[in-house]
C-alpha atoms as a PDB file:
ATOM      1  CA  MET A   1     -72.613  89.373-143.938  1.00  0.00           C
ATOM      2  CA  ASN A   2     -75.967  87.810-144.691  1.00  0.00           C
ATOM      3  CA  ARG A   3     -76.571  84.380-146.201  1.00  0.00           C
ATOM      4  CA  GLU A   4     -77.108  85.690-149.736  1.00  0.00           C
ATOM      5  CA  GLN A   5     -73.776  87.561-149.674  1.00  0.00           C
ATOM      6  CA  SER A   6     -72.019  84.426-148.403  1.00  0.00           C
ATOM      7  CA  ASN A   7     -73.408  82.352-151.296  1.00  0.00           C
ATOM      8  CA  GLU A   8     -72.369  85.027-153.800  1.00  0.00           C
ATOM      9  CA  ILE A   9     -68.766  84.892-152.535  1.00  0.00           C
ATOM     10  CA  LEU A  10     -68.600  81.107-152.860  1.00  0.00           C
ATOM     11  CA  GLU A  11     -70.073  81.201-156.344  1.00  0.00           C
ATOM     12  CA  SER A  12     -67.775  83.969-157.531  1.00  0.00           C
ATOM     13  CA  GLN A  13     -64.686  82.141-156.265  1.00  0.00           C
ATOM     14  CA  GLY A  14     -65.696  78.851-157.913  1.00  0.00           C
ATOM     15  CA  LEU A  15     -64.959  76.748-154.837  1.00  0.00           C
ATOM     16  CA  ASP A  16     -65.772  73.081-155.006  1.00  0.00           C
ATOM     17  CA  LEU A  17     -66.721  72.179-151.460  1.00  0.00           C
ATOM     18  CA  LEU A  18     -67.281  68.479-152.201  1.00  0.00           C
ATOM     19  CA  PRO A  19     -64.543  67.374-154.619  1.00  0.00           C
ATOM     20  CA  GLU A  20     -64.780  63.946-156.191  1.00  0.00           C
ATOM     21  CA  GLU A  21     -62.825  61.171-154.522  1.00  0.00           C
ATOM     22  CA  GLU A  22     -59.546  60.268-156.150  1.00  0.00           C
ATOM     23  CA  ARG A  23     -59.722  56.852-157.776  1.00  0.00           C
ATOM     24  CA  TYR A  24     -57.277  54.161-156.655  1.00  0.00           C
ATOM     25  CA  SER A  25     -54.746  53.103-159.247  1.00  0.00           C
ATOM     26  CA  PRO A  26     -53.210  49.616-158.998  1.00  0.00           C
ATOM     27  CA  ASP A  27     -49.870  51.154-159.986  1.00  0.00           C
ATOM     28  CA  ALA A  28     -50.024  53.331-156.864  1.00  0.00           C
ATOM     29  CA  ALA A  29     -49.287  50.245-154.753  1.00  0.00           C
ATOM     30  CA  LEU A  30     -45.838  50.029-156.347  1.00  0.00           C
ATOM     31  CA  LYS A  31     -45.047  53.318-154.594  1.00  0.00           C
ATOM     32  CA  LEU A  32     -46.183  51.933-151.239  1.00  0.00           C
ATOM     33  CA  THR A  33     -43.661  51.228-148.478  1.00  0.00           C
ATOM     34  CA  VAL A  34     -44.891  49.080-145.584  1.00  0.00           C
ATOM     35  CA  HIS A  35     -42.811  49.134-142.402  1.00  0.00           C
ATOM     36  CA  ILE A  36     -43.643  46.471-139.823  1.00  0.00           C
ATOM     37  CA  LYS A  37     -42.048  47.137-136.444  1.00  0.00           C
ATOM     38  CA  HIS A  38     -43.345  44.241-134.329  1.00  0.00           C
ATOM     39  CA  ASP A  39     -44.578  40.695-134.760  1.00  0.00           C
ATOM     40  CA  TRP A  40     -47.895  41.933-133.368  1.00  0.00           C
ATOM     41  CA  TYR A  41     -50.211  44.875-133.960  1.00  0.00           C
ATOM     42  CA  SER A  42     -51.373  47.184-131.185  1.00  0.00           C
ATOM     43  CA  GLU A  43     -50.614  44.768-128.320  1.00  0.00           C
ATOM     44  CA  ASP A  44     -48.141  41.976-127.641  1.00  0.00           C
ATOM     45  CA  SER A  45     -50.631  39.131-127.327  1.00  0.00           C
ATOM     46  CA  SER A  46     -52.280  36.432-129.409  1.00  0.00           C
ATOM     47  CA  HIS A  47     -54.961  38.998-130.245  1.00  0.00           C
ATOM     48  CA  GLY A  48     -52.273  41.427-131.478  1.00  0.00           C
ATOM     49  CA  ARG A  49     -50.739  38.690-133.652  1.00  0.00           C
ATOM     50  CA  MET A  50     -54.169  37.871-135.090  1.00  0.00           C
ATOM     51  CA  MET A  51     -54.694  41.555-135.964  1.00  0.00           C
ATOM     52  CA  LEU A  52     -51.279  41.742-137.654  1.00  0.00           C
ATOM     53  CA  SER A  53     -52.090  38.573-139.589  1.00  0.00           C
ATOM     54  CA  SER A  54     -55.286  40.251-140.843  1.00  0.00           C
ATOM     55  CA  PHE A  55     -53.319  43.269-142.051  1.00  0.00           C
ATOM     56  CA  MET A  56     -50.810  41.028-143.761  1.00  0.00           C
ATOM     57  CA  SER A  57     -53.545  39.022-145.489  1.00  0.00           C
ATOM     58  CA  VAL A  58     -54.973  42.205-146.973  1.00  0.00           C
ATOM     59  CA  LEU A  59     -51.539  43.488-147.996  1.00  0.00           C
ATOM     60  CA  SER A  60     -50.624  40.202-149.699  1.00  0.00           C
ATOM     61  CA  ASP A  61     -53.562  40.350-152.123  1.00  0.00           C
ATOM     62  CA  PRO A  62     -52.056  39.300-155.482  1.00  0.00           C
ATOM     63  CA  SER A  63     -54.050  41.964-157.345  1.00  0.00           C
ATOM     64  CA  SER A  64     -51.755  44.709-156.083  1.00  0.00           C
ATOM     65  CA  LYS A  65     -48.052  44.716-155.347  1.00  0.00           C
ATOM     66  CA  ILE A  66     -46.267  46.574-152.580  1.00  0.00           C
ATOM     67  CA  GLY A  67     -43.112  48.391-153.531  1.00  0.00           C
ATOM     68  CA  VAL A  68     -41.032  47.884-150.381  1.00  0.00           C
ATOM     69  CA  LEU A  69     -41.671  45.775-147.288  1.00  0.00           C
ATOM     70  CA  LEU A  70     -39.432  46.663-144.328  1.00  0.00           C
ATOM     71  CA  LEU A  71     -39.049  44.689-141.104  1.00  0.00           C
ATOM     72  CA  SER A  72     -37.432  46.023-137.949  1.00  0.00           C
ATOM     73  CA  GLY A  73     -37.629  45.370-134.228  1.00  0.00           C
ATOM     74  CA  SER A  74     -39.466  42.222-133.198  1.00  0.00           C
ATOM     75  CA  ALA A  75     -41.022  41.948-136.683  1.00  0.00           C
ATOM     76  CA  VAL A  76     -37.859  40.111-137.753  1.00  0.00           C
ATOM     77  CA  ARG A  77     -39.010  37.156-135.620  1.00  0.00           C
ATOM     78  CA  MET A  78     -41.549  36.456-138.384  1.00  0.00           C
ATOM     79  CA  THR A  79     -38.636  35.395-140.622  1.00  0.00           C
ATOM     80  CA  ASP A  80     -38.213  32.305-138.437  1.00  0.00           C
ATOM     81  CA  PRO A  81     -40.185  29.371-139.909  1.00  0.00           C
ATOM     82  CA  SER A  82     -41.393  28.503-136.386  1.00  0.00           C
ATOM     83  CA  SER A  83     -43.283  31.841-136.161  1.00  0.00           C
ATOM     84  CA  ASP A  84     -47.067  31.633-136.473  1.00  0.00           C
ATOM     85  CA  LEU A  85     -46.861  34.600-138.857  1.00  0.00           C
ATOM     86  CA  HIS A  86     -44.105  33.173-141.089  1.00  0.00           C
ATOM     87  CA  ASP A  87     -46.483  31.989-143.834  1.00  0.00           C
ATOM     88  CA  ASP A  88     -48.198  35.397-143.874  1.00  0.00           C
ATOM     89  CA  LEU A  89     -44.781  37.027-144.179  1.00  0.00           C
ATOM     90  CA  LEU A  90     -43.832  34.746-147.078  1.00  0.00           C
ATOM     91  CA  ARG A  91     -47.005  35.690-148.970  1.00  0.00           C
ATOM     92  CA  ILE A  92     -46.575  39.434-148.479  1.00  0.00           C
ATOM     93  CA  SER A  93     -42.840  39.262-149.233  1.00  0.00           C
ATOM     94  CA  ARG A  94     -43.499  37.434-152.503  1.00  0.00           C
ATOM     95  CA  ASN A  95     -46.055  40.124-153.365  1.00  0.00           C
ATOM     96  CA  SER A  96     -43.514  42.907-152.776  1.00  0.00           C
ATOM     97  CA  LEU A  97     -40.867  44.171-155.127  1.00  0.00           C
ATOM     98  CA  MET A  98     -38.350  44.151-152.285  1.00  0.00           C
ATOM     99  CA  THR A  99     -38.196  42.995-148.669  1.00  0.00           C
ATOM    100  CA  GLY A 100     -35.707  44.678-146.361  1.00  0.00           C
ATOM    101  CA  VAL A 101     -34.711  43.517-142.887  1.00  0.00           C
ATOM    102  CA  LEU A 102     -32.803  45.574-140.331  1.00  0.00           C
ATOM    103  CA  ILE A 103     -29.485  43.823-139.590  1.00  0.00           C
ATOM    104  CA  ASP A 104     -29.387  45.172-136.024  1.00  0.00           C
ATOM    105  CA  SER A 105     -32.792  43.606-135.332  1.00  0.00           C
ATOM    106  CA  ILE A 106     -31.659  40.257-136.743  1.00  0.00           C
ATOM    107  CA  ASP A 107     -28.731  40.379-134.298  1.00  0.00           C
ATOM    108  CA  GLU A 108     -30.863  41.649-131.392  1.00  0.00           C
ATOM    109  CA  TYR A 109     -33.432  38.850-131.712  1.00  0.00           C
ATOM    110  CA  GLY A 110     -30.882  36.129-132.444  1.00  0.00           C
ATOM    111  CA  ILE A 111     -32.231  35.233-135.872  1.00  0.00           C
ATOM    112  CA  ASP A 112     -29.938  32.859-137.765  1.00  0.00           C
ATOM    113  CA  PRO A 113     -29.302  34.466-141.192  1.00  0.00           C
ATOM    114  CA  ALA A 114     -29.284  30.963-142.709  1.00  0.00           C
ATOM    115  CA  ILE A 115     -33.065  30.712-142.195  1.00  0.00           C
ATOM    116  CA  LEU A 116     -33.645  33.745-144.416  1.00  0.00           C
ATOM    117  CA  THR A 117     -33.052  31.733-147.575  1.00  0.00           C
ATOM    118  CA  ASP A 118     -36.765  31.196-148.319  1.00  0.00           C
ATOM    119  CA  LEU A 119     -37.190  34.980-148.413  1.00  0.00           C
ATOM    120  CA  GLN A 120     -35.634  37.346-150.938  1.00  0.00           C
ATOM    121  CA  ILE A 121     -34.135  39.601-148.263  1.00  0.00           C
ATOM    122  CA  THR A 122     -32.161  42.811-148.585  1.00  0.00           C
ATOM    123  CA  GLU A 123     -30.251  43.583-145.404  1.00  0.00           C
ATOM    124  CA  TYR A 124     -30.560  47.151-144.143  1.00  0.00           C
ATOM    125  CA  THR A 125     -28.381  49.083-141.743  1.00  0.00           C
ATOM    126  CA  ALA A 126     -30.176  51.500-139.408  1.00  0.00           C
ATOM    127  CA  GLN A 127     -29.083  54.366-141.684  1.00  0.00           C
ATOM    128  CA  ASP A 128     -30.418  52.571-144.783  1.00  0.00           C
ATOM    129  CA  LEU A 129     -33.749  52.041-143.028  1.00  0.00           C
ATOM    130  CA  ALA A 130     -33.944  55.695-141.972  1.00  0.00           C
ATOM    131  CA  PHE A 131     -33.166  56.816-145.532  1.00  0.00           C
ATOM    132  CA  GLU A 132     -35.822  54.493-146.979  1.00  0.00           C
ATOM    133  CA  LEU A 133     -38.479  55.695-144.510  1.00  0.00           C
ATOM    134  CA  ILE A 134     -37.674  59.386-144.966  1.00  0.00           C
ATOM    135  CA  ASN A 135     -37.839  59.087-148.740  1.00  0.00           C
ATOM    136  CA  ALA A 136     -40.913  56.840-148.947  1.00  0.00           C
ATOM    137  CA  GLU A 137     -43.596  58.337-151.162  1.00  0.00           C
ATOM    138  CA  ASN A 138     -46.431  56.475-149.416  1.00  0.00           C
ATOM    139  CA  LEU A 139     -45.635  54.922-146.053  1.00  0.00           C
ATOM    140  CA  ILE A 140     -47.696  52.635-143.828  1.00  0.00           C
ATOM    141  CA  THR A 141     -46.161  51.748-140.471  1.00  0.00           C
ATOM    142  CA  LEU A 142     -47.671  48.874-138.526  1.00  0.00           C
ATOM    143  CA  GLU A 143     -46.794  48.968-134.850  1.00  0.00           C
END
């Protein structure tokens, strides 16, 4: 097949090789589920905590809301007011429609449920978390 024949095939099929980018809708954020698995990003160090804080600052932008924020694993340590990332968590939680925390992780990391009062928390079993993640329309997992 020569070059002219190749161009004729593309033209006759009406293929758009460079489609326009889809525009972002602020309402799309309401369908966003963010799952944070650790109280650090990429590495368990002060650098990893700084990177997670940067993610959380972007996600807590008041111009867009997150549908569901889920915490599991060591991420539940951010619910403790003594955590360096607690204030970031408060901001992103208040910008979310719902914040869920894995009960098993709360137990594993010895978090006192009484300290969760400043957060609007929904407690999740491992099965609830799995169901939420499987059915998430748009999922971002930070680990």
